[in-house]
Amino acid sequence: ERFIHLQHENKMLKLRQTEETNNEQILLLQANCEQFKDQNNQLTNDLWMSNRKILELEATLKDTTSLAENSTEITDLKKSLNRAMTRHEEESTRTKNQIDELQKRLDHSGI
């Protein structure tokens, strides 16, 4: 009878030891799970911030591209304006020369 009692007690001790080991493992797994959740939250936040920064940079790039296009348009308009001014100056000079020539003829004709 004593042997059976000791066997039962040994079995109960092993069962209790297994439960304690399981409880320790559960606590360790819960701690790991919390740590992974925290890391996941941090990575999710980092990803959100990175995506936000990407959107900001894309907007800046779009603005810069628009400015560059506007700058190119302005440069083209300046060139066009300079060509037109040169043409008008040449035409004005020709017209003045023609007026001077006509004035000389008028003066020589004595009218």
PDB file of N, CA and C in Angstrom:
ATOM      1  N   GLU A   1       0.816  -1.182   0.000  1.00  0.00           N
ATOM      2  CA  GLU A   1       0.000   0.000   0.000  1.00  0.00           C
ATOM      3  C   GLU A   1       0.869   1.258   0.000  1.00  0.00           C
ATOM      4  N   ARG A   2       1.924   1.215   0.744  1.00  0.00           N
ATOM      5  CA  ARG A   2       2.827   2.369   0.791  1.00  0.00           C
ATOM      6  C   ARG A   2       3.414   2.616  -0.595  1.00  0.00           C
ATOM      7  N   PHE A   3       3.752   1.552  -1.291  1.00  0.00           N
ATOM      8  CA  PHE A   3       4.310   1.673  -2.635  1.00  0.00           C
ATOM      9  C   PHE A   3       3.312   2.341  -3.579  1.00  0.00           C
ATOM     10  N   ILE A   4       2.081   1.938  -3.507  1.00  0.00           N
ATOM     11  CA  ILE A   4       1.036   2.521  -4.356  1.00  0.00           C
ATOM     12  C   ILE A   4       0.867   3.994  -4.013  1.00  0.00           C
ATOM     13  N   HIS A   5       0.897   4.288  -2.725  1.00  0.00           N
ATOM     14  CA  HIS A   5       0.766   5.683  -2.289  1.00  0.00           C
ATOM     15  C   HIS A   5       1.936   6.521  -2.822  1.00  0.00           C
ATOM     16  N   LEU A   6       3.149   5.988  -2.729  1.00  0.00           N
ATOM     17  CA  LEU A   6       4.334   6.700  -3.232  1.00  0.00           C
ATOM     18  C   LEU A   6       4.271   6.857  -4.751  1.00  0.00           C
ATOM     19  N   GLN A   7       3.793   5.842  -5.421  1.00  0.00           N
ATOM     20  CA  GLN A   7       3.632   5.927  -6.873  1.00  0.00           C
ATOM     21  C   GLN A   7       2.645   7.039  -7.236  1.00  0.00           C
ATOM     22  N   HIS A   8       1.537   7.079  -6.520  1.00  0.00           N
ATOM     23  CA  HIS A   8       0.526   8.108  -6.764  1.00  0.00           C
ATOM     24  C   HIS A   8       1.103   9.496  -6.473  1.00  0.00           C
ATOM     25  N   GLU A   9       1.831   9.598  -5.349  1.00  0.00           N
ATOM     26  CA  GLU A   9       2.439  10.889  -4.989  1.00  0.00           C
ATOM     27  C   GLU A   9       3.465  11.303  -6.037  1.00  0.00           C
ATOM     28  N   ASN A  10       4.250  10.365  -6.523  1.00  0.00           N
ATOM     29  CA  ASN A  10       5.248  10.639  -7.562  1.00  0.00           C
ATOM     30  C   ASN A  10       4.553  11.109  -8.838  1.00  0.00           C
ATOM     31  N   LYS A  11       3.465  10.425  -9.172  1.00  0.00           N
ATOM     32  CA  LYS A  11       2.702  10.797 -10.362  1.00  0.00           C
ATOM     33  C   LYS A  11       2.151  12.217 -10.220  1.00  0.00           C
ATOM     34  N   MET A  12       1.643  12.562  -9.053  1.00  0.00           N
ATOM     35  CA  MET A  12       1.091  13.890  -8.800  1.00  0.00           C
ATOM     36  C   MET A  12       2.193  14.956  -8.854  1.00  0.00           C
ATOM     37  N   LEU A  13       3.366  14.636  -8.309  1.00  0.00           N
ATOM     38  CA  LEU A  13       4.492  15.576  -8.349  1.00  0.00           C
ATOM     39  C   LEU A  13       4.941  15.834  -9.787  1.00  0.00           C
ATOM     40  N   LYS A  14       5.009  14.761 -10.576  1.00  0.00           N
ATOM     41  CA  LYS A  14       5.379  14.919 -11.984  1.00  0.00           C
ATOM     42  C   LYS A  14       4.341  15.758 -12.718  1.00  0.00           C
ATOM     43  N   LEU A  15       3.065  15.506 -12.408  1.00  0.00           N
ATOM     44  CA  LEU A  15       1.994  16.267 -13.037  1.00  0.00           C
ATOM     45  C   LEU A  15       2.084  17.745 -12.649  1.00  0.00           C
ATOM     46  N   ARG A  16       2.328  18.020 -11.365  1.00  0.00           N
ATOM     47  CA  ARG A  16       2.467  19.387 -10.887  1.00  0.00           C
ATOM     48  C   ARG A  16       3.689  20.055 -11.533  1.00  0.00           C
ATOM     49  N   GLN A  17       4.788  19.295 -11.636  1.00  0.00           N
ATOM     50  CA  GLN A  17       6.002  19.837 -12.259  1.00  0.00           C
ATOM     51  C   GLN A  17       5.734  20.165 -13.730  1.00  0.00           C
ATOM     52  N   THR A  18       5.010  19.303 -14.419  1.00  0.00           N
ATOM     53  CA  THR A  18       4.656  19.535 -15.816  1.00  0.00           C
ATOM     54  C   THR A  18       3.774  20.777 -15.931  1.00  0.00           C
ATOM     55  N   GLU A  19       2.814  20.927 -15.012  1.00  0.00           N
ATOM     56  CA  GLU A  19       1.948  22.103 -15.017  1.00  0.00           C
ATOM     57  C   GLU A  19       2.754  23.376 -14.787  1.00  0.00           C
ATOM     58  N   GLU A  20       3.701  23.317 -13.841  1.00  0.00           N
ATOM     59  CA  GLU A  20       4.538  24.490 -13.564  1.00  0.00           C
ATOM     60  C   GLU A  20       5.386  24.843 -14.782  1.00  0.00           C
ATOM     61  N   THR A  21       5.939  23.817 -15.424  1.00  0.00           N
ATOM     62  CA  THR A  21       6.731  24.045 -16.631  1.00  0.00           C
ATOM     63  C   THR A  21       5.850  24.644 -17.722  1.00  0.00           C
ATOM     64  N   ASN A  22       4.650  24.088 -17.860  1.00  0.00           N
ATOM     65  CA  ASN A  22       3.715  24.620 -18.856  1.00  0.00           C
ATOM     66  C   ASN A  22       3.340  26.060 -18.536  1.00  0.00           C
ATOM     67  N   ASN A  23       3.095  26.349 -17.261  1.00  0.00           N
ATOM     68  CA  ASN A  23       2.753  27.715 -16.861  1.00  0.00           C
ATOM     69  C   ASN A  23       3.901  28.682 -17.154  1.00  0.00           C
ATOM     70  N   GLU A  24       5.134  28.238 -16.885  1.00  0.00           N
ATOM     71  CA  GLU A  24       6.301  29.075 -17.188  1.00  0.00           C
ATOM     72  C   GLU A  24       6.401  29.325 -18.695  1.00  0.00           C
ATOM     73  N   GLN A  25       6.163  28.266 -19.461  1.00  0.00           N
ATOM     74  CA  GLN A  25       6.216  28.411 -20.917  1.00  0.00           C
ATOM     75  C   GLN A  25       5.105  29.332 -21.407  1.00  0.00           C
ATOM     76  N   ILE A  26       3.923  29.219 -20.800  1.00  0.00           N
ATOM     77  CA  ILE A  26       2.814  30.096 -21.184  1.00  0.00           C
ATOM     78  C   ILE A  26       3.167  31.546 -20.887  1.00  0.00           C
ATOM     79  N   LEU A  27       3.728  31.796 -19.706  1.00  0.00           N
ATOM     80  CA  LEU A  27       4.128  33.162 -19.354  1.00  0.00           C
ATOM     81  C   LEU A  27       5.190  33.691 -20.316  1.00  0.00           C
ATOM     82  N   LEU A  28       6.146  32.835 -20.651  1.00  0.00           N
ATOM     83  CA  LEU A  28       7.195  33.231 -21.588  1.00  0.00           C
ATOM     84  C   LEU A  28       6.604  33.518 -22.968  1.00  0.00           C
ATOM     85  N   LEU A  29       5.696  32.665 -23.417  1.00  0.00           N
ATOM     86  CA  LEU A  29       5.053  32.879 -24.715  1.00  0.00           C
ATOM     87  C   LEU A  29       4.199  34.147 -24.714  1.00  0.00           C
ATOM     88  N   GLN A  30       3.518  34.418 -23.596  1.00  0.00           N
ATOM     89  CA  GLN A  30       2.721  35.638 -23.501  1.00  0.00           C
ATOM     90  C   GLN A  30       3.619  36.873 -23.558  1.00  0.00           C
ATOM     91  N   ALA A  31       4.759  36.803 -22.875  1.00  0.00           N
ATOM     92  CA  ALA A  31       5.705  37.923 -22.908  1.00  0.00           C
ATOM     93  C   ALA A  31       6.236  38.120 -24.326  1.00  0.00           C
ATOM     94  N   ASN A  32       6.572  37.018 -24.992  1.00  0.00           N
ATOM     95  CA  ASN A  32       7.044  37.105 -26.379  1.00  0.00           C
ATOM     96  C   ASN A  32       5.961  37.673 -27.284  1.00  0.00           C
ATOM     97  N   CYS A  33       4.719  37.241 -27.056  1.00  0.00           N
ATOM     98  CA  CYS A  33       3.604  37.730 -27.865  1.00  0.00           C
ATOM     99  C   CYS A  33       3.446  39.241 -27.686  1.00  0.00           C
ATOM    100  N   GLU A  34       3.523  39.728 -26.458  1.00  0.00           N
ATOM    101  CA  GLU A  34       3.428  41.169 -26.201  1.00  0.00           C
ATOM    102  C   GLU A  34       4.575  41.922 -26.878  1.00  0.00           C
ATOM    103  N   GLN A  35       5.767  41.340 -26.804  1.00  0.00           N
ATOM    104  CA  GLN A  35       6.926  41.969 -27.442  1.00  0.00           C
ATOM    105  C   GLN A  35       6.725  42.031 -28.960  1.00  0.00           C
ATOM    106  N   PHE A  36       6.217  40.963 -29.546  1.00  0.00           N
ATOM    107  CA  PHE A  36       5.972  40.949 -30.989  1.00  0.00           C
ATOM    108  C   PHE A  36       4.881  41.942 -31.370  1.00  0.00           C
ATOM    109  N   LYS A  37       3.850  42.063 -30.530  1.00  0.00           N
ATOM    110  CA  LYS A  37       2.795  43.046 -30.791  1.00  0.00           C
ATOM    111  C   LYS A  37       3.372  44.460 -30.771  1.00  0.00           C
ATOM    112  N   ASP A  38       4.226  44.727 -29.771  1.00  0.00           N
ATOM    113  CA  ASP A  38       4.854  46.053 -29.692  1.00  0.00           C
ATOM    114  C   ASP A  38       5.717  46.324 -30.923  1.00  0.00           C
ATOM    115  N   GLN A  39       6.503  45.322 -31.329  1.00  0.00           N
ATOM    116  CA  GLN A  39       7.340  45.484 -32.523  1.00  0.00           C
ATOM    117  C   GLN A  39       6.476  45.690 -33.763  1.00  0.00           C
ATOM    118  N   ASN A  40       5.384  44.934 -33.855  1.00  0.00           N
ATOM    119  CA  ASN A  40       4.479  45.072 -34.993  1.00  0.00           C
ATOM    120  C   ASN A  40       3.876  46.472 -35.026  1.00  0.00           C
ATOM    121  N   ASN A  41       3.448  46.965 -33.868  1.00  0.00           N
ATOM    122  CA  ASN A  41       2.897  48.319 -33.804  1.00  0.00           C
ATOM    123  C   ASN A  41       3.936  49.357 -34.216  1.00  0.00           C
ATOM    124  N   GLN A  42       5.165  49.179 -33.751  1.00  0.00           N
ATOM    125  CA  GLN A  42       6.233  50.118 -34.100  1.00  0.00           C
ATOM    126  C   GLN A  42       6.514  50.076 -35.601  1.00  0.00           C
ATOM    127  N   LEU A  43       6.583  48.872 -36.159  1.00  0.00           N
ATOM    128  CA  LEU A  43       6.837  48.740 -37.595  1.00  0.00           C
ATOM    129  C   LEU A  43       5.677  49.298 -38.418  1.00  0.00           C
ATOM    130  N   THR A  44       4.451  49.084 -37.939  1.00  0.00           N
ATOM    131  CA  THR A  44       3.286  49.643 -38.628  1.00  0.00           C
ATOM    132  C   THR A  44       3.350  51.162 -38.617  1.00  0.00           C
ATOM    133  N   ASN A  45       3.711  51.721 -37.477  1.00  0.00           N
ATOM    134  CA  ASN A  45       3.850  53.176 -37.367  1.00  0.00           C
ATOM    135  C   ASN A  45       4.972  53.685 -38.277  1.00  0.00           C
ATOM    136  N   ASP A  46       6.101  52.984 -38.276  1.00  0.00           N
ATOM    137  CA  ASP A  46       7.217  53.377 -39.151  1.00  0.00           C
ATOM    138  C   ASP A  46       6.798  53.329 -40.619  1.00  0.00           C
ATOM    139  N   LEU A  47       6.049  52.295 -40.993  1.00  0.00           N
ATOM    140  CA  LEU A  47       5.578  52.160 -42.368  1.00  0.00           C
ATOM    141  C   LEU A  47       4.640  53.309 -42.722  1.00  0.00           C
ATOM    142  N   TRP A  48       3.735  53.650 -41.816  1.00  0.00           N
ATOM    143  CA  TRP A  48       2.805  54.754 -42.047  1.00  0.00           C
ATOM    144  C   TRP A  48       3.576  56.057 -42.244  1.00  0.00           C
ATOM    145  N   MET A  49       4.576  56.293 -41.378  1.00  0.00           N
ATOM    146  CA  MET A  49       5.381  57.511 -41.490  1.00  0.00           C
ATOM    147  C   MET A  49       6.162  57.519 -42.809  1.00  0.00           C
ATOM    148  N   SER A  50       6.692  56.375 -43.199  1.00  0.00           N
ATOM    149  CA  SER A  50       7.436  56.289 -44.460  1.00  0.00           C
ATOM    150  C   SER A  50       6.522  56.570 -45.647  1.00  0.00           C
ATOM    151  N   ASN A  51       5.326  56.004 -45.629  1.00  0.00           N
ATOM    152  CA  ASN A  51       4.372  56.257 -46.717  1.00  0.00           C
ATOM    153  C   ASN A  51       3.981  57.729 -46.766  1.00  0.00           C
ATOM    154  N   ARG A  52       3.812  58.330 -45.612  1.00  0.00           N
ATOM    155  CA  ARG A  52       3.480  59.759 -45.552  1.00  0.00           C
ATOM    156  C   ARG A  52       4.619  60.587 -46.149  1.00  0.00           C
ATOM    157  N   LYS A  53       5.854  60.233 -45.791  1.00  0.00           N
ATOM    158  CA  LYS A  53       7.019  60.950 -46.312  1.00  0.00           C
ATOM    159  C   LYS A  53       7.108  60.775 -47.830  1.00  0.00           C
ATOM    160  N   ILE A  54       6.811  59.568 -48.315  1.00  0.00           N
ATOM    161  CA  ILE A  54       6.827  59.316 -49.762  1.00  0.00           C
ATOM    162  C   ILE A  54       5.815  60.211 -50.458  1.00  0.00           C
ATOM    163  N   LEU A  55       4.606  60.315 -49.884  1.00  0.00           N
ATOM    164  CA  LEU A  55       3.585  61.183 -50.480  1.00  0.00           C
ATOM    165  C   LEU A  55       4.042  62.638 -50.497  1.00  0.00           C
ATOM    166  N   GLU A  56       4.673  63.080 -49.404  1.00  0.00           N
ATOM    167  CA  GLU A  56       5.178  64.456 -49.349  1.00  0.00           C
ATOM    168  C   GLU A  56       6.253  64.678 -50.416  1.00  0.00           C
ATOM    169  N   LEU A  57       7.164  63.717 -50.549  1.00  0.00           N
ATOM    170  CA  LEU A  57       8.238  63.842 -51.538  1.00  0.00           C
ATOM    171  C   LEU A  57       7.680  63.813 -52.963  1.00  0.00           C
ATOM    172  N   GLU A  58       6.671  62.974 -53.196  1.00  0.00           N
ATOM    173  CA  GLU A  58       6.050  62.946 -54.524  1.00  0.00           C
ATOM    174  C   GLU A  58       5.393  64.281 -54.841  1.00  0.00           C
ATOM    175  N   ALA A  59       4.745  64.884 -53.841  1.00  0.00           N
ATOM    176  CA  ALA A  59       4.115  66.193 -54.048  1.00  0.00           C
ATOM    177  C   ALA A  59       5.175  67.255 -54.333  1.00  0.00           C
ATOM    178  N   THR A  60       6.280  67.197 -53.592  1.00  0.00           N
ATOM    179  CA  THR A  60       7.370  68.145 -53.816  1.00  0.00           C
ATOM    180  C   THR A  60       7.958  67.960 -55.209  1.00  0.00           C
ATOM    181  N   LEU A  61       8.131  66.709 -55.614  1.00  0.00           N
ATOM    182  CA  LEU A  61       8.654  66.422 -56.951  1.00  0.00           C
ATOM    183  C   LEU A  61       7.713  66.955 -58.019  1.00  0.00           C
ATOM    184  N   LYS A  62       6.418  66.766 -57.816  1.00  0.00           N
ATOM    185  CA  LYS A  62       5.438  67.267 -58.781  1.00  0.00           C
ATOM    186  C   LYS A  62       5.514  68.787 -58.869  1.00  0.00           C
ATOM    187  N   ASP A  63       5.602  69.450 -57.703  1.00  0.00           N
ATOM    188  CA  ASP A  63       5.717  70.910 -57.692  1.00  0.00           C
ATOM    189  C   ASP A  63       6.994  71.359 -58.391  1.00  0.00           C
ATOM    190  N   THR A  64       8.095  70.662 -58.098  1.00  0.00           N
ATOM    191  CA  THR A  64       9.378  71.004 -58.704  1.00  0.00           C
ATOM    192  C   THR A  64       9.324  70.804 -60.212  1.00  0.00           C
ATOM    193  N   THR A  65       8.689  69.709 -60.635  1.00  0.00           N
ATOM    194  CA  THR A  65       8.550  69.444 -62.065  1.00  0.00           C
ATOM    195  C   THR A  65       7.724  70.537 -62.722  1.00  0.00           C
ATOM    196  N   SER A  66       6.644  70.948 -62.052  1.00  0.00           N
ATOM    197  CA  SER A  66       5.811  72.028 -62.593  1.00  0.00           C
ATOM    198  C   SER A  66       6.610  73.316 -62.692  1.00  0.00           C
ATOM    199  N   LEU A  67       7.404  73.596 -61.652  1.00  0.00           N
ATOM    200  CA  LEU A  67       8.233  74.803 -61.681  1.00  0.00           C
ATOM    201  C   LEU A  67       9.253  74.734 -62.809  1.00  0.00           C
ATOM    202  N   ALA A  68       9.842  73.555 -62.991  1.00  0.00           N
ATOM    203  CA  ALA A  68      10.822  73.395 -64.067  1.00  0.00           C
ATOM    204  C   ALA A  68      10.150  73.586 -65.422  1.00  0.00           C
ATOM    205  N   GLU A  69       8.941  73.030 -65.563  1.00  0.00           N
ATOM    206  CA  GLU A  69       8.216  73.206 -66.823  1.00  0.00           C
ATOM    207  C   GLU A  69       7.872  74.674 -67.022  1.00  0.00           C
ATOM    208  N   ASN A  70       7.433  75.329 -65.950  1.00  0.00           N
ATOM    209  CA  ASN A  70       7.130  76.760 -66.039  1.00  0.00           C
ATOM    210  C   ASN A  70       8.384  77.549 -66.379  1.00  0.00           C
ATOM    211  N   SER A  71       9.504  77.156 -65.777  1.00  0.00           N
ATOM    212  CA  SER A  71      10.769  77.829 -66.049  1.00  0.00           C
ATOM    213  C   SER A  71      11.149  77.660 -67.516  1.00  0.00           C
ATOM    214  N   THR A  72      10.944  76.466 -68.047  1.00  0.00           N
ATOM    215  CA  THR A  72      11.226  76.216 -69.461  1.00  0.00           C
ATOM    216  C   THR A  72      10.299  77.051 -70.331  1.00  0.00           C
ATOM    217  N   GLU A  73       9.028  77.118 -69.947  1.00  0.00           N
ATOM    218  CA  GLU A  73       8.078  77.933 -70.710  1.00  0.00           C
ATOM    219  C   GLU A  73       8.480  79.403 -70.662  1.00  0.00           C
ATOM    220  N   ILE A  74       8.892  79.868 -69.494  1.00  0.00           N
ATOM    221  CA  ILE A  74       9.317  81.268 -69.357  1.00  0.00           C
ATOM    222  C   ILE A  74      10.538  81.533 -70.224  1.00  0.00           C
ATOM    223  N   THR A  75      11.494  80.606 -70.204  1.00  0.00           N
ATOM    224  CA  THR A  75      12.693  80.757 -71.030  1.00  0.00           C
ATOM    225  C   THR A  75      12.310  80.810 -72.502  1.00  0.00           C
ATOM    226  N   ASP A  76      11.414  79.922 -72.924  1.00  0.00           N
ATOM    227  CA  ASP A  76      10.962  79.924 -74.318  1.00  0.00           C
ATOM    228  C   ASP A  76      10.261  81.233 -74.662  1.00  0.00           C
ATOM    229  N   LEU A  77       9.419  81.722 -73.745  1.00  0.00           N
ATOM    230  CA  LEU A  77       8.730  82.993 -73.985  1.00  0.00           C
ATOM    231  C   LEU A  77       9.715  84.154 -74.071  1.00  0.00           C
ATOM    232  N   LYS A  78      10.747  84.137 -73.224  1.00  0.00           N
ATOM    233  CA  LYS A  78      11.763  85.198 -73.279  1.00  0.00           C
ATOM    234  C   LYS A  78      12.489  85.172 -74.620  1.00  0.00           C
ATOM    235  N   LYS A  79      12.833  83.969 -75.077  1.00  0.00           N
ATOM    236  CA  LYS A  79      13.510  83.854 -76.374  1.00  0.00           C
ATOM    237  C   LYS A  79      12.616  84.376 -77.488  1.00  0.00           C
ATOM    238  N   SER A  80      11.346  83.984 -77.434  1.00  0.00           N
ATOM    239  CA  SER A  80      10.399  84.440 -78.446  1.00  0.00           C
ATOM    240  C   SER A  80      10.252  85.955 -78.401  1.00  0.00           C
ATOM    241  N   LEU A  81      10.161  86.518 -77.205  1.00  0.00           N
ATOM    242  CA  LEU A  81      10.058  87.966 -77.046  1.00  0.00           C
ATOM    243  C   LEU A  81      11.302  88.658 -77.593  1.00  0.00           C
ATOM    244  N   ASN A  82      12.472  88.118 -77.298  1.00  0.00           N
ATOM    245  CA  ASN A  82      13.717  88.713 -77.810  1.00  0.00           C
ATOM    246  C   ASN A  82      13.762  88.680 -79.336  1.00  0.00           C
ATOM    247  N   ARG A  83      13.321  87.565 -79.933  1.00  0.00           N
ATOM    248  CA  ARG A  83      13.296  87.486 -81.396  1.00  0.00           C
ATOM    249  C   ARG A  83      12.328  88.522 -81.968  1.00  0.00           C
ATOM    250  N   ALA A  84      11.149  88.634 -81.343  1.00  0.00           N
ATOM    251  CA  ALA A  84      10.159  89.605 -81.820  1.00  0.00           C
ATOM    252  C   ALA A  84      10.691  91.026 -81.673  1.00  0.00           C
ATOM    253  N   MET A  85      11.348  91.318 -80.547  1.00  0.00           N
ATOM    254  CA  MET A  85      11.909  92.662 -80.343  1.00  0.00           C
ATOM    255  C   MET A  85      12.981  92.961 -81.383  1.00  0.00           C
ATOM    256  N   THR A  86      13.823  91.964 -81.670  1.00  0.00           N
ATOM    257  CA  THR A  86      14.869  92.153 -82.673  1.00  0.00           C
ATOM    258  C   THR A  86      14.243  92.437 -84.038  1.00  0.00           C
ATOM    259  N   ARG A  87      13.215  91.656 -84.410  1.00  0.00           N
ATOM    260  CA  ARG A  87      12.529  91.888 -85.686  1.00  0.00           C
ATOM    261  C   ARG A  87      11.931  93.291 -85.739  1.00  0.00           C
ATOM    262  N   HIS A  88      11.279  93.702 -84.660  1.00  0.00           N
ATOM    263  CA  HIS A  88      10.649  95.021 -84.641  1.00  0.00           C
ATOM    264  C   HIS A  88      11.690  96.147 -84.661  1.00  0.00           C
ATOM    265  N   GLU A  89      12.820  95.925 -83.988  1.00  0.00           N
ATOM    266  CA  GLU A  89      13.889  96.935 -84.032  1.00  0.00           C
ATOM    267  C   GLU A  89      14.446  97.060 -85.447  1.00  0.00           C
ATOM    268  N   GLU A  90      14.649  95.910 -86.111  1.00  0.00           N
ATOM    269  CA  GLU A  90      15.147  95.944 -87.489  1.00  0.00           C
ATOM    270  C   GLU A  90      14.138  96.631 -88.404  1.00  0.00           C
ATOM    271  N   GLU A  91      12.867  96.298 -88.213  1.00  0.00           N
ATOM    272  CA  GLU A  91      11.818  96.911 -89.020  1.00  0.00           C
ATOM    273  C   GLU A  91      11.742  98.410 -88.741  1.00  0.00           C
ATOM    274  N   SER A  92      11.888  98.787 -87.484  1.00  0.00           N
ATOM    275  CA  SER A  92      11.867 100.209 -87.109  1.00  0.00           C
ATOM    276  C   SER A  92      13.046 100.943 -87.743  1.00  0.00           C
ATOM    277  N   THR A  93      14.204 100.314 -87.737  1.00  0.00           N
ATOM    278  CA  THR A  93      15.388 100.924 -88.354  1.00  0.00           C
ATOM    279  C   THR A  93      15.171 101.090 -89.850  1.00  0.00           C
ATOM    280  N   ARG A  94      14.638 100.065 -90.519  1.00  0.00           N
ATOM    281  CA  ARG A  94      14.357 100.169 -91.955  1.00  0.00           C
ATOM    282  C   ARG A  94      13.353 101.295 -92.225  1.00  0.00           C
ATOM    283  N   THR A  95      12.325 101.364 -91.398  1.00  0.00           N
ATOM    284  CA  THR A  95      11.310 102.407 -91.585  1.00  0.00           C
ATOM    285  C   THR A  95      11.922 103.788 -91.391  1.00  0.00           C
ATOM    286  N   LYS A  96      12.774 103.959 -90.381  1.00  0.00           N
ATOM    287  CA  LYS A  96      13.443 105.250 -90.158  1.00  0.00           C
ATOM    288  C   LYS A  96      14.317 105.607 -91.351  1.00  0.00           C
ATOM    289  N   ASN A  97      15.041 104.609 -91.847  1.00  0.00           N
ATOM    290  CA  ASN A  97      15.889 104.857 -93.014  1.00  0.00           C
ATOM    291  C   ASN A  97      15.051 105.275 -94.219  1.00  0.00           C
ATOM    292  N   GLN A  98      13.925 104.619 -94.407  1.00  0.00           N
ATOM    293  CA  GLN A  98      13.041 104.991 -95.514  1.00  0.00           C
ATOM    294  C   GLN A  98      12.500 106.407 -95.317  1.00  0.00           C
ATOM    295  N   ILE A  99      12.125 106.754 -94.078  1.00  0.00           N
ATOM    296  CA  ILE A  99      11.635 108.108 -93.794  1.00  0.00           C
ATOM    297  C   ILE A  99      12.733 109.127 -94.058  1.00  0.00           C
ATOM    298  N   ASP A 100      13.957 108.823 -93.590  1.00  0.00           N
ATOM    299  CA  ASP A 100      15.086 109.739 -93.828  1.00  0.00           C
ATOM    300  C   ASP A 100      15.334 109.908 -95.327  1.00  0.00           C
ATOM    301  N   GLU A 101      15.278 108.799 -96.055  1.00  0.00           N
ATOM    302  CA  GLU A 101      15.480 108.861 -97.504  1.00  0.00           C
ATOM    303  C   GLU A 101      14.391 109.704 -98.170  1.00  0.00           C
ATOM    304  N   LEU A 102      13.162 109.491 -97.768  1.00  0.00           N
ATOM    305  CA  LEU A 102      12.064 110.287 -98.326  1.00  0.00           C
ATOM    306  C   LEU A 102      12.198 111.760 -97.943  1.00  0.00           C
ATOM    307  N   GLN A 103      12.651 112.024 -96.727  1.00  0.00           N
ATOM    308  CA  GLN A 103      12.841 113.410 -96.280  1.00  0.00           C
ATOM    309  C   GLN A 103      13.927 114.088 -97.116  1.00  0.00           C
ATOM    310  N   LYS A 104      15.015 113.356 -97.388  1.00  0.00           N
ATOM    311  CA  LYS A 104      16.089 113.909 -98.220  1.00  0.00           C
ATOM    312  C   LYS A 104      15.564 114.227 -99.612  1.00  0.00           C
ATOM    313  N   ARG A 105      14.796 113.319-100.183  1.00  0.00           N
ATOM    314  CA  ARG A 105      14.231 113.547-101.513  1.00  0.00           C
ATOM    315  C   ARG A 105      13.317 114.766-101.503  1.00  0.00           C
ATOM    316  N   LEU A 106      12.554 114.858-100.440  1.00  0.00           N
ATOM    317  CA  LEU A 106      11.639 115.987-100.325  1.00  0.00           C
ATOM    318  C   LEU A 106      12.419 117.297-100.223  1.00  0.00           C
ATOM    319  N   ASP A 107      13.483 117.276 -99.420  1.00  0.00           N
ATOM    320  CA  ASP A 107      14.308 118.481 -99.263  1.00  0.00           C
ATOM    321  C   ASP A 107      14.986 118.841-100.581  1.00  0.00           C
ATOM    322  N   HIS A 108      15.466 117.888-101.342  1.00  0.00           N
ATOM    323  CA  HIS A 108      16.149 118.148-102.612  1.00  0.00           C
ATOM    324  C   HIS A 108      15.188 118.556-103.705  1.00  0.00           C
ATOM    325  N   SER A 109      13.998 118.126-103.603  1.00  0.00           N
ATOM    326  CA  SER A 109      13.047 118.472-104.662  1.00  0.00           C
ATOM    327  C   SER A 109      12.554 119.896-104.509  1.00  0.00           C
ATOM    328  N   GLY A 110      12.721 120.460-103.318  1.00  0.00           N
ATOM    329  CA  GLY A 110      12.369 121.842-103.095  1.00  0.00           C
ATOM    330  C   GLY A 110      10.889 122.065-102.946  1.00  0.00           C
ATOM    331  N   ILE A 111      10.154 121.128-102.663  1.00  0.00           N
ATOM    332  CA  ILE A 111       8.713 121.305-102.521  1.00  0.00           C
ATOM    333  C   ILE A 111       8.386 121.835-101.175  1.00  0.00           C
TER     334      ILE A 111
END
